[in-house]
Protein backbone atom coordinates (compact mmCIF):
# COMPACT_ATOMS: atom_id res chain seq x y z
CA MET A 1 58.44 -43.07 9.58
CA LYS A 2 56.76 -45.82 11.72
CA PHE A 3 54.60 -45.92 14.50
CA ASP A 4 53.54 -48.73 16.57
CA MET A 5 49.94 -49.23 15.97
CA SER A 6 47.65 -52.57 16.50
CA PRO A 7 46.50 -54.29 13.03
CA ASP A 8 42.73 -53.20 13.76
CA TYR A 9 43.74 -49.67 14.45
CA VAL A 10 46.04 -49.77 11.59
CA ILE A 11 42.97 -50.74 9.51
CA LEU A 12 40.72 -48.62 11.11
CA PHE A 13 42.77 -45.61 10.57
CA GLU A 14 43.71 -46.57 7.17
CA ARG A 15 39.96 -46.78 5.86
CA LEU A 16 39.20 -43.35 7.59
CA PHE A 17 42.21 -41.76 6.06
CA ASP A 18 41.22 -43.08 2.33
CA ASN A 19 38.04 -41.99 2.95
CA SER A 20 37.85 -38.85 4.57
CA PRO A 21 35.61 -36.10 2.39
CA GLU A 22 38.29 -34.01 3.55
CA GLY A 23 41.66 -33.57 1.96
CA VAL A 24 44.36 -35.21 4.55
CA VAL A 25 48.01 -35.27 4.71
CA ILE A 26 50.59 -36.08 7.08
CA GLN A 27 54.06 -34.50 7.24
CA GLY A 28 57.38 -35.37 9.22
CA LEU A 29 58.72 -32.01 11.27
CA ASP A 30 60.34 -31.43 8.45
CA GLY A 31 57.29 -30.12 6.07
CA VAL A 32 57.68 -32.91 3.62
CA VAL A 33 54.29 -35.04 2.66
CA TYR A 34 54.78 -38.84 3.89
CA LYS A 35 50.96 -39.68 3.66
CA ALA A 36 47.84 -38.21 2.14
CA ASN A 37 44.51 -39.29 0.91
CA ARG A 38 42.57 -39.27 -2.43
CA ALA A 39 40.66 -36.43 -1.46
CA PHE A 40 44.00 -33.96 -0.87
CA CYS A 41 45.13 -35.10 -4.37
CA GLU A 42 41.93 -34.19 -6.26
CA MET A 43 41.25 -31.05 -4.46
CA PHE A 44 44.84 -29.45 -5.53
CA GLY A 45 45.30 -31.21 -8.66
CA TYR A 46 48.21 -33.97 -7.78
CA SER A 47 48.49 -37.62 -7.85
CA LEU A 48 49.91 -39.15 -5.00
CA GLU A 49 53.01 -39.57 -6.64
CA GLU A 50 53.60 -36.35 -6.92
CA VAL A 51 52.62 -35.27 -3.55
CA ILE A 52 54.40 -37.75 -1.41
CA GLY A 53 58.43 -36.76 -0.39
CA LYS A 54 57.42 -33.33 -1.59
CA ASP A 55 57.75 -29.90 0.54
CA LEU A 56 53.87 -29.51 1.83
CA ASP A 57 54.22 -26.01 1.38
CA SER A 58 55.61 -25.94 -2.12
CA LEU A 59 52.44 -27.57 -3.20
CA VAL A 60 50.13 -25.71 -1.72
CA ALA A 61 51.72 -22.44 -1.37
CA ALA A 62 53.99 -21.96 -4.41
CA ASP A 63 53.27 -18.27 -4.87
CA LYS A 64 55.17 -16.24 -2.71
CA ASN A 65 52.50 -13.95 -1.76
CA LEU A 66 51.67 -17.19 -0.34
CA ARG A 67 54.89 -18.87 0.98
CA GLY A 68 55.58 -16.53 3.76
CA GLU A 69 51.91 -17.07 5.71
CA ALA A 70 52.28 -20.90 5.14
CA SER A 71 55.59 -21.26 6.70
CA ARG A 72 54.63 -19.23 9.58
CA ARG A 73 52.09 -21.83 10.15
CA THR A 74 53.85 -24.88 9.45
CA LYS A 75 56.80 -23.59 11.74
CA SER A 76 53.79 -23.11 14.55
CA ALA A 77 52.62 -26.74 13.95
CA THR A 78 55.99 -28.09 13.92
CA MET A 79 56.35 -26.59 17.80
CA GLY A 80 53.48 -28.95 18.86
CA GLU A 81 50.23 -26.51 18.53
CA GLN A 82 47.17 -27.44 17.34
CA PHE A 83 45.63 -25.14 14.45
CA MET A 84 42.38 -24.20 12.33
CA PHE A 85 42.39 -21.07 10.13
CA GLU A 86 40.80 -20.18 7.12
CA SER A 87 43.40 -19.03 4.05
CA ILE A 88 44.05 -18.84 0.47
CA ARG A 89 46.06 -22.02 -1.01
CA GLN A 90 46.97 -22.77 -4.62
CA LYS A 91 46.37 -25.64 -6.62
CA LYS A 92 49.03 -27.22 -8.82
CA ASP A 93 47.23 -25.48 -12.45
CA GLY A 94 48.09 -22.30 -10.23
CA THR A 95 44.57 -21.65 -8.92
CA LYS A 96 43.75 -20.30 -5.94
CA PHE A 97 41.19 -20.92 -3.50
CA HIS A 98 39.86 -20.78 0.01
CA VAL A 99 40.75 -23.31 2.54
CA LEU A 100 40.01 -24.42 6.06
CA ALA A 101 42.86 -25.93 7.47
CA PHE A 102 43.29 -27.89 10.94
CA GLY A 103 45.20 -30.11 12.85
CA VAL A 104 46.63 -31.57 15.25
CA PRO A 105 50.24 -33.15 16.29
CA ILE A 106 51.06 -36.67 16.42
CA THR A 107 53.59 -37.59 18.93
CA SER A 108 54.96 -41.16 19.75
CA GLU A 109 56.32 -42.13 23.48
CA GLY A 110 56.08 -38.41 24.20
CA GLN A 111 58.19 -37.28 21.32
CA LEU A 112 56.09 -34.88 18.60
CA VAL A 113 57.15 -36.93 15.20
CA ALA A 114 54.72 -35.41 12.60
CA ILE A 115 51.58 -33.41 12.35
CA TYR A 116 47.81 -34.55 10.70
CA GLY A 117 46.37 -31.87 8.38
CA MET A 118 43.26 -31.49 7.06
CA TYR A 119 41.98 -29.40 4.36
CA ARG A 120 38.20 -28.01 3.74
CA ASP A 121 37.48 -26.31 0.21
CA ILE A 122 35.14 -23.32 1.20
CA SER A 123 35.27 -21.82 -1.99
CA ASP A 124 31.30 -22.12 -2.03
CA ARG A 125 31.06 -20.56 1.08
CA LYS A 126 33.35 -18.20 0.74
CA MET A 127 31.63 -16.80 -2.29
CA ALA A 128 28.37 -16.64 -0.75
CA GLU A 129 29.51 -14.62 2.05
CA GLU A 130 31.18 -12.16 0.06
CA ALA A 131 27.86 -12.28 -2.36
CA LEU A 132 25.96 -11.51 1.08
CA GLN A 133 28.58 -8.70 1.92
CA ARG A 134 28.00 -7.02 -1.27
CA SER A 135 24.25 -6.82 -1.02
CA GLU A 136 24.59 -5.94 2.73
CA GLU A 137 26.91 -3.09 1.69
CA ARG A 138 24.77 -2.01 -1.34
CA TYR A 139 21.60 -2.30 0.92
CA ARG A 140 23.18 -0.25 3.35
CA ALA A 141 24.22 2.41 0.86
CA ILE A 142 20.79 2.58 -0.58
CA VAL A 143 19.35 2.37 3.37
CA GLN A 144 21.42 5.60 4.42
CA GLN A 145 21.56 7.70 0.35
CA GLN A 146 17.78 7.65 0.04
CA GLN A 147 15.36 10.13 0.58
CA GLU A 148 13.27 8.55 3.03
CA VAL A 149 13.72 8.44 6.52
CA ILE A 150 14.02 4.45 7.73
CA VAL A 151 14.05 3.76 11.59
CA ARG A 152 13.29 0.45 13.33
CA TYR A 153 12.84 -0.28 17.11
CA SER A 154 11.97 -2.77 19.59
CA PRO A 155 8.37 -4.13 20.52
CA ASP A 156 9.55 -1.51 23.98
CA TRP A 157 9.49 1.24 21.24
CA SER A 158 13.18 2.05 21.89
CA VAL A 159 14.79 3.10 18.67
CA THR A 160 17.30 0.02 17.18
CA PHE A 161 18.54 2.04 13.85
CA ALA A 162 18.10 5.25 12.35
CA ASN A 163 19.80 5.88 8.92
CA ASP A 164 20.84 9.28 7.71
CA ALA A 165 17.94 10.91 5.80
CA TYR A 166 16.09 10.37 9.38
CA CYS A 167 18.83 11.75 11.09
CA ARG A 168 18.97 14.89 9.01
CA TYR A 169 15.57 15.28 9.16
CA TYR A 170 14.63 15.30 12.84
CA GLN A 171 18.54 17.23 13.03
CA THR A 172 19.70 14.12 15.46
CA THR A 173 22.86 11.77 15.68
CA PRO A 174 22.70 8.15 15.69
CA GLU A 175 24.01 8.40 18.81
CA GLU A 176 21.55 10.60 20.29
CA ILE A 177 18.36 8.50 18.68
CA LEU A 178 19.76 4.53 19.55
CA GLY A 179 17.80 3.65 22.60
CA SER A 180 15.43 6.59 22.80
CA PRO A 181 11.69 6.19 22.37
CA MET A 182 10.45 6.33 19.05
CA THR A 183 7.39 8.31 20.19
CA THR A 184 9.95 11.03 20.71
CA HIS A 185 8.71 13.07 17.14
CA ILE A 186 5.33 12.34 17.42
CA PRO A 187 2.80 15.05 18.47
CA GLU A 188 1.60 14.11 22.28
CA LYS A 189 -1.99 13.81 21.25
CA TYR A 190 -1.54 10.88 18.35
CA ARG A 191 1.05 8.89 20.97
CA LYS A 192 -1.37 6.40 22.11
CA LYS A 193 -3.30 5.94 19.06
CA THR A 194 -0.23 5.05 17.12
CA LEU A 195 1.10 2.76 19.39
CA GLU A 196 -1.95 0.67 19.57
CA ARG A 197 -2.45 0.72 15.76
CA LEU A 198 1.17 -0.75 15.89
CA ALA A 199 0.64 -3.13 18.36
CA ASN A 200 -2.39 -4.47 16.55
CA LEU A 201 -0.26 -5.70 13.73
CA THR A 202 -0.35 -9.49 13.11
CA PRO A 203 1.95 -12.06 10.90
CA VAL A 204 -1.50 -12.07 8.58
CA SER A 205 -1.64 -8.89 8.25
CA PRO A 206 1.90 -7.05 8.80
CA THR A 207 2.03 -3.55 7.70
CA LEU A 208 0.41 -0.19 8.37
CA ILE A 209 -0.10 2.85 6.14
CA SER A 210 -0.84 6.40 7.84
CA GLU A 211 -0.35 9.63 7.34
CA GLU A 212 0.70 11.80 10.79
CA GLU A 213 1.72 14.77 11.99
CA THR A 214 5.38 15.34 13.08
CA ILE A 215 7.22 17.59 15.17
CA LEU A 216 10.86 19.01 14.36
CA PRO A 217 13.13 19.81 17.07
CA SER A 218 12.59 23.67 15.77
CA GLY A 219 9.05 22.89 16.97
CA GLU A 220 8.00 22.95 13.13
CA ILE A 221 4.53 20.64 12.75
CA ARG A 222 5.33 18.94 9.04
CA TRP A 223 3.57 15.57 7.94
CA GLN A 224 4.96 12.57 7.33
CA GLN A 225 3.43 9.27 5.23
CA TRP A 226 4.88 5.91 7.19
CA PHE A 227 4.96 2.21 5.76
CA ASP A 228 4.99 0.38 8.84
CA THR A 229 5.98 -3.17 8.79
CA ALA A 230 5.97 -5.77 12.13
CA LEU A 231 8.65 -8.64 12.05
CA PHE A 232 7.73 -11.69 13.34
CA ASP A 233 9.13 -14.79 14.48
CA SER A 234 8.42 -18.16 13.87
CA GLU A 235 6.38 -18.31 17.18
CA GLY A 236 4.03 -15.21 16.18
CA ASP A 237 5.99 -12.70 18.41
CA ILE A 238 6.83 -9.08 16.88
CA VAL A 239 10.57 -9.05 17.04
CA GLU A 240 11.12 -5.67 15.54
CA TYR A 241 9.60 -2.94 13.97
CA GLN A 242 10.05 -0.87 10.63
CA SER A 243 8.79 2.27 9.74
CA VAL A 244 9.64 4.22 6.39
CA GLY A 245 8.69 7.58 6.26
CA ARG A 246 8.43 10.51 3.52
CA ASP A 247 7.62 13.87 3.91
CA ILE A 248 4.12 15.12 2.21
CA THR A 249 4.12 18.33 3.86
CA GLU A 250 3.78 20.22 0.76
CA ARG A 251 0.95 17.68 -0.77
CA LYS A 252 -0.96 18.37 2.62
CA GLN A 253 -0.76 22.36 2.56
CA MET A 254 -1.73 21.54 -1.59
CA GLU A 255 -4.70 19.48 -0.88
CA GLU A 256 -5.76 21.92 2.35
CA SER A 257 -5.39 24.72 -0.51
CA LEU A 258 -7.71 23.11 -2.58
CA ARG A 259 -10.18 21.97 0.21
CA VAL A 260 -10.43 25.80 0.92
CA SER A 261 -10.76 26.27 -2.81
CA SER A 262 -13.16 23.71 -3.01
CA ASP A 263 -15.77 24.75 -0.23
CA ARG A 264 -15.35 28.74 -1.62
CA LEU A 265 -16.67 27.41 -5.04
CA GLU A 266 -19.38 24.84 -3.41
CA ARG A 267 -20.46 28.03 -1.88
CA VAL A 268 -20.46 29.89 -4.88
CA LEU A 269 -22.23 26.94 -6.65
CA ASP A 270 -25.19 26.49 -3.76
CA GLU A 271 -25.40 30.42 -3.97
CA THR A 272 -25.98 30.07 -7.59
CA VAL A 273 -28.25 27.61 -7.49
CA ARG A 274 -30.25 29.62 -4.64
CA VAL A 275 -30.19 32.76 -6.91
CA LEU A 276 -31.71 30.36 -9.70
CA ALA A 277 -34.53 29.11 -7.73
CA GLY A 278 -35.42 32.23 -5.94
CA THR A 279 -35.77 33.65 -9.53
CA MET A 280 -38.03 30.21 -10.14
CA ARG A 281 -40.23 31.73 -7.42
CA ILE A 282 -40.77 34.95 -8.47
CA ARG A 283 -41.85 33.44 -11.56
CA ASP A 284 -43.86 30.57 -10.28
CA VAL A 285 -44.48 29.70 -6.73
CA TYR A 286 -45.93 26.46 -7.26
CA THR A 287 -42.83 25.45 -9.41
CA ALA A 288 -40.48 26.53 -7.07
CA ASP A 289 -42.50 24.52 -4.20
CA HIS A 290 -42.53 21.82 -6.20
CA GLN A 291 -38.13 21.99 -6.86
CA GLU A 292 -37.80 21.97 -3.03
CA GLY A 293 -40.33 19.45 -2.45
CA VAL A 294 -38.23 17.00 -5.23
CA ALA A 295 -35.22 18.03 -3.51
CA ARG A 296 -36.09 16.85 -0.14
CA LEU A 297 -37.61 13.50 -1.07
CA ALA A 298 -34.81 12.64 -3.64
CA ARG A 299 -32.26 13.40 -0.87
CA ALA A 300 -34.13 11.18 1.19
CA MET A 301 -34.02 8.67 -1.61
CA GLY A 302 -30.63 8.94 -2.38
CA GLU A 303 -29.63 8.72 1.58
CA GLU A 304 -31.75 5.49 1.75
CA MET A 305 -29.58 4.11 -0.92
CA GLY A 306 -26.66 4.74 0.23
CA LEU A 307 -25.33 7.15 -1.80
CA SER A 308 -22.11 9.40 -1.25
CA ASP A 309 -22.32 12.97 0.89
CA ASP A 310 -20.96 14.22 -2.90
CA VAL A 311 -23.15 12.58 -4.78
CA LEU A 312 -26.50 13.60 -2.85
CA LYS A 313 -25.13 17.22 -3.28
CA GLY A 314 -24.89 17.13 -6.61
CA LEU A 315 -28.59 15.22 -6.20
CA TRP A 316 -30.02 17.88 -3.99
CA MET A 317 -28.87 20.94 -6.19
CA ALA A 318 -30.23 19.69 -9.53
CA ALA A 319 -33.40 18.62 -7.94
CA LEU A 320 -33.76 22.39 -6.72
CA ILE A 321 -33.24 23.60 -10.46
CA HIS A 322 -34.77 20.74 -12.37
CA ASP A 323 -37.51 22.69 -13.57
CA ILE A 324 -35.28 25.84 -14.23
CA GLY A 325 -36.42 25.90 -18.09
CA LYS A 326 -39.97 26.47 -17.29
CA LEU A 327 -38.71 29.98 -16.79
CA HIS A 328 -38.88 30.30 -20.48
CA ILE A 329 -42.60 28.78 -20.62
CA PRO A 330 -45.51 31.66 -21.27
CA GLY A 331 -47.24 31.76 -17.89
CA GLU A 332 -50.52 31.57 -19.46
CA ILE A 333 -49.35 27.77 -20.76
CA LEU A 334 -47.49 27.33 -17.33
CA ASN A 335 -50.77 28.00 -15.32
CA LYS A 336 -53.80 27.09 -18.00
CA PRO A 337 -56.33 25.43 -15.94
CA THR A 338 -57.52 23.25 -18.61
CA THR A 339 -55.69 19.93 -20.38
CA LEU A 340 -53.00 21.78 -22.76
CA THR A 341 -53.17 20.91 -26.31
CA ALA A 342 -50.67 18.83 -28.31
CA LEU A 343 -48.55 22.02 -29.10
CA GLU A 344 -48.77 23.34 -25.28
CA TYR A 345 -47.60 20.31 -24.72
CA GLU A 346 -44.57 20.03 -26.66
CA ILE A 347 -43.86 23.68 -25.48
CA ILE A 348 -43.79 22.42 -22.30
CA LYS A 349 -41.66 19.23 -23.27
CA ARG A 350 -38.93 21.97 -24.30
CA HIS A 351 -37.87 23.06 -20.73
CA THR A 352 -35.77 20.00 -19.91
CA GLU A 353 -33.30 21.21 -23.06
CA VAL A 354 -33.66 24.55 -22.30
CA GLY A 355 -33.00 24.38 -18.49
CA ALA A 356 -29.76 22.24 -19.30
CA GLU A 357 -28.64 24.50 -21.64
CA THR A 358 -29.37 27.71 -19.20
CA LEU A 359 -26.99 25.68 -16.97
CA ARG A 360 -24.07 24.64 -19.52
CA GLY A 361 -22.21 27.97 -18.64
CA ILE A 362 -21.88 27.22 -15.39
CA SER A 363 -18.79 24.87 -14.79
CA PHE A 364 -20.26 22.66 -11.75
CA PRO A 365 -18.44 19.70 -10.14
CA TRP A 366 -21.49 17.31 -10.89
CA PRO A 367 -23.44 16.45 -14.28
CA ILE A 368 -26.07 19.16 -13.11
CA ALA A 369 -26.94 19.74 -17.23
CA HIS A 370 -27.42 16.41 -17.97
CA ILE A 371 -29.65 15.62 -14.64
CA ILE A 372 -31.90 18.28 -15.82
CA SER A 373 -31.80 17.15 -19.41
CA GLN A 374 -32.75 13.84 -18.44
CA HIS A 375 -35.08 14.46 -15.75
CA HIS A 376 -38.60 13.04 -17.95
CA GLU A 377 -36.44 9.84 -19.22
CA ARG A 378 -38.11 6.93 -18.45
CA MET A 379 -36.23 3.31 -18.13
CA ASP A 380 -38.37 1.50 -20.89
CA GLY A 381 -37.19 4.41 -23.35
CA SER A 382 -40.53 5.85 -23.30
CA GLY A 383 -39.95 9.36 -21.76
CA TYR A 384 -38.33 12.45 -23.37
CA PRO A 385 -36.67 14.43 -25.04
CA ARG A 386 -34.41 11.64 -26.42
CA GLY A 387 -35.85 8.48 -25.33
CA LEU A 388 -33.32 7.03 -23.13
CA LYS A 389 -33.65 3.90 -21.56
CA GLY A 390 -31.69 1.62 -19.00
CA ARG A 391 -28.02 2.41 -18.23
CA GLN A 392 -27.96 5.18 -20.42
CA ILE A 393 -30.11 7.32 -17.91
CA LEU A 394 -27.76 8.80 -15.18
CA PRO A 395 -28.09 7.24 -11.74
CA GLU A 396 -29.22 10.54 -10.15
CA VAL A 397 -31.86 10.88 -12.87
CA ARG A 398 -33.80 7.30 -11.35
CA ILE A 399 -34.14 8.65 -8.41
CA LEU A 400 -35.13 12.12 -9.16
CA SER A 401 -37.89 10.77 -11.82
CA VAL A 402 -39.59 8.78 -8.90
CA ALA A 403 -39.27 12.18 -6.48
CA ASP A 404 -40.67 14.33 -9.33
CA VAL A 405 -43.58 12.24 -10.09
CA MET A 406 -44.64 11.53 -6.42
CA GLU A 407 -44.56 15.14 -5.74
CA ALA A 408 -46.27 16.54 -8.76
CA MET A 409 -49.16 13.91 -7.93
CA CYS A 410 -49.19 14.90 -4.08
CA SER A 411 -49.46 18.94 -5.12
CA HIS A 412 -52.19 20.76 -6.20
CA ARG A 413 -52.34 21.85 -9.51
CA PRO A 414 -54.42 24.31 -11.78
CA PHE A 415 -56.58 21.78 -13.35
CA ARG A 416 -56.97 18.87 -10.88
CA PRO A 417 -56.60 18.48 -6.87
CA ALA A 418 -54.09 16.89 -5.28
CA TYR A 419 -53.98 12.97 -4.77
CA PRO A 420 -53.84 11.19 -1.80
CA VAL A 421 -49.95 9.45 -0.89
CA GLU A 422 -51.24 6.38 -1.21
CA VAL A 423 -52.63 6.47 -4.63
CA ALA A 424 -49.19 8.40 -5.84
CA LEU A 425 -46.89 5.39 -4.39
CA ASN A 426 -49.29 3.30 -6.14
CA THR A 427 -48.34 4.67 -9.44
CA ILE A 428 -44.94 4.60 -8.54
CA ARG A 429 -45.01 0.91 -7.50
CA SER A 430 -47.06 0.10 -10.63
CA GLY A 431 -44.33 1.70 -12.94
CA ALA A 432 -41.28 -0.36 -11.02
CA GLY A 433 -39.10 -1.69 -13.14
CA THR A 434 -40.51 -0.20 -16.51
CA LEU A 435 -40.95 3.53 -16.46
CA PHE A 436 -38.78 3.58 -13.10
CA GLU A 437 -35.86 1.78 -11.72
CA GLU A 438 -36.96 -0.80 -9.08
CA LYS A 439 -34.30 0.17 -6.58
CA ALA A 440 -35.47 4.12 -6.61
CA VAL A 441 -38.96 2.82 -6.39
CA GLU A 442 -38.50 0.30 -3.10
CA ALA A 443 -36.43 3.65 -1.80
CA CYS A 444 -39.17 5.73 -2.12
CA LEU A 445 -41.54 3.40 -0.56
CA LYS A 446 -38.86 3.25 2.59
CA VAL A 447 -38.93 6.90 2.80
CA PHE A 448 -42.76 7.58 2.95
CA GLY A 449 -42.83 4.17 5.20
CA ASN A 450 -40.61 5.56 7.41
CA GLY A 451 -42.83 9.01 7.76
CA PHE A 452 -41.56 10.86 5.20
CA GLU A 453 -43.81 14.25 4.57
CA PHE A 454 -43.99 16.97 1.97
CA VAL A 455 -43.64 20.36 3.25
CA ARG A 456 -46.04 23.06 1.75
CA GLN A 457 -45.62 26.37 2.10
CA GLY A 458 -47.36 28.09 5.07
CA THR A 459 -47.50 24.04 6.82
C-alpha cells in the first residue's frame, strides 16, 4: 500500500509515528497490519516482524471472549467511522490489560484505504478508578450501616445527603429530606443560635461539637450530640457542611437523675453541717460565732482567688464546723479566762483530730475531715497535729488557716479584748511565706481592702 506524499512530509510522519509514546498501527481494510511503531510492539509484547502482515485482531484480541467485540469495532472502522473507546486487549503472553483506543480513517483521492489506530495503556488509571470505586463503596456502606446519623447540607441550609440511620431516626425518606431545611428537627428556640455557630466556622476552626435537643416527628424530644464540620474551597468559602450525630438521651436522663440525687445529697449534707454548727452554738456561742465568721471570710478569700463554686462550697462547709472537735473539750478549759497550762493547751490541740474523727463516718464529696484535721498546720511545718508543711497542706486549709487567725484576733476572748483589724492584718502580713501561704494572705488583704467586715451577733 503506497501513498503519494512529499519527501518532507514523509520524514515528519515517520518521526512522529516512530517516536509516539502511544502504540500506533496502520491496518488495511482487510484488518492486516501494514505498519506499527516501537511503542505498539512493546505494549503488546511482539517484535515488529511478528506484527507486520498479521491480522490486528488476532494479535490484540486472540481470546474468544475479546474477539467478537474487537471484530465489531474493526468492521465499524472499515466503514470510515472515527472511533475512541475503552476496552480490554491481550498481549502476546495472554496478559489482559485496559486500553484506550482511538483512530481515524485514511483516504486517498476520496477513497478509504486504511485505518490509523492508536492504543494507550490505561491499566494504572483503571486500577486507580477501581480502587476509588471500592473505597467509595466501602465508605458508603460504612455511612449507611453505622448507628450515627449523618446529614450534609449546603450553605443555604438545604439538605444534600442523609444516611439511612438519619432517615430511620427521623422517620423520613431520602426523597422527603433532600432539599428540605436542615433546621426541620431543631426546636425553634435553638435554631438561630445553631445557625450562628455554624456560620462562624472558619478554615482554621472548621469543627464544632454541641449537645442539643431534637424533635422527632412524633413530637418526642430527644438529645443528640453533634459533630459539625464545615468544608471550604480554595478561596476559604464554605461549600458544604456535614453533621454527625448520636443519640445521648439516656446519658442526659442519667445526668439529670444524678444531678437531682446530687442536689438532694448536698441539701442533706448542708443540713448535717448546720445541725453540727447548731449543736456547737448550744454548747459554746463564742466558737459558733467564730466558725461563721471564719466561713464568711474564707469564702470571700476563695472567691478573690478564683476558686470554683464546688471548691468554695466544700471550703464553706469545712469552715462552718472546723472547730467541731471542741465539743469534746471541757468547758472550763475552753472558756478559761486565764492563761492555759501546758497540759490544758495539749488538750485544746486535740480538737483538730477529734473533729476529723467525728466526721469520718459522713461521706462528703469534699475532704472536710482532712481540712478540719489540718486547719492548724502552718506552711513552715510549725503547726499541729502533724507538722505538715508547704504543699503537704491542702489548698483549702491554706485559706482557712488565714481566715481562722484573722477572726480569732478580731474577736473578744475571755482572757483578752479583740485586736483592731489593722493589727490582725499586720500579723497575717508578717507571716506570709512562713506561717501562711502568700497568695492566701494577699487575698485576705484584698478582701478587707474591699470593705469586708466581721458580723457579730446583735450587730
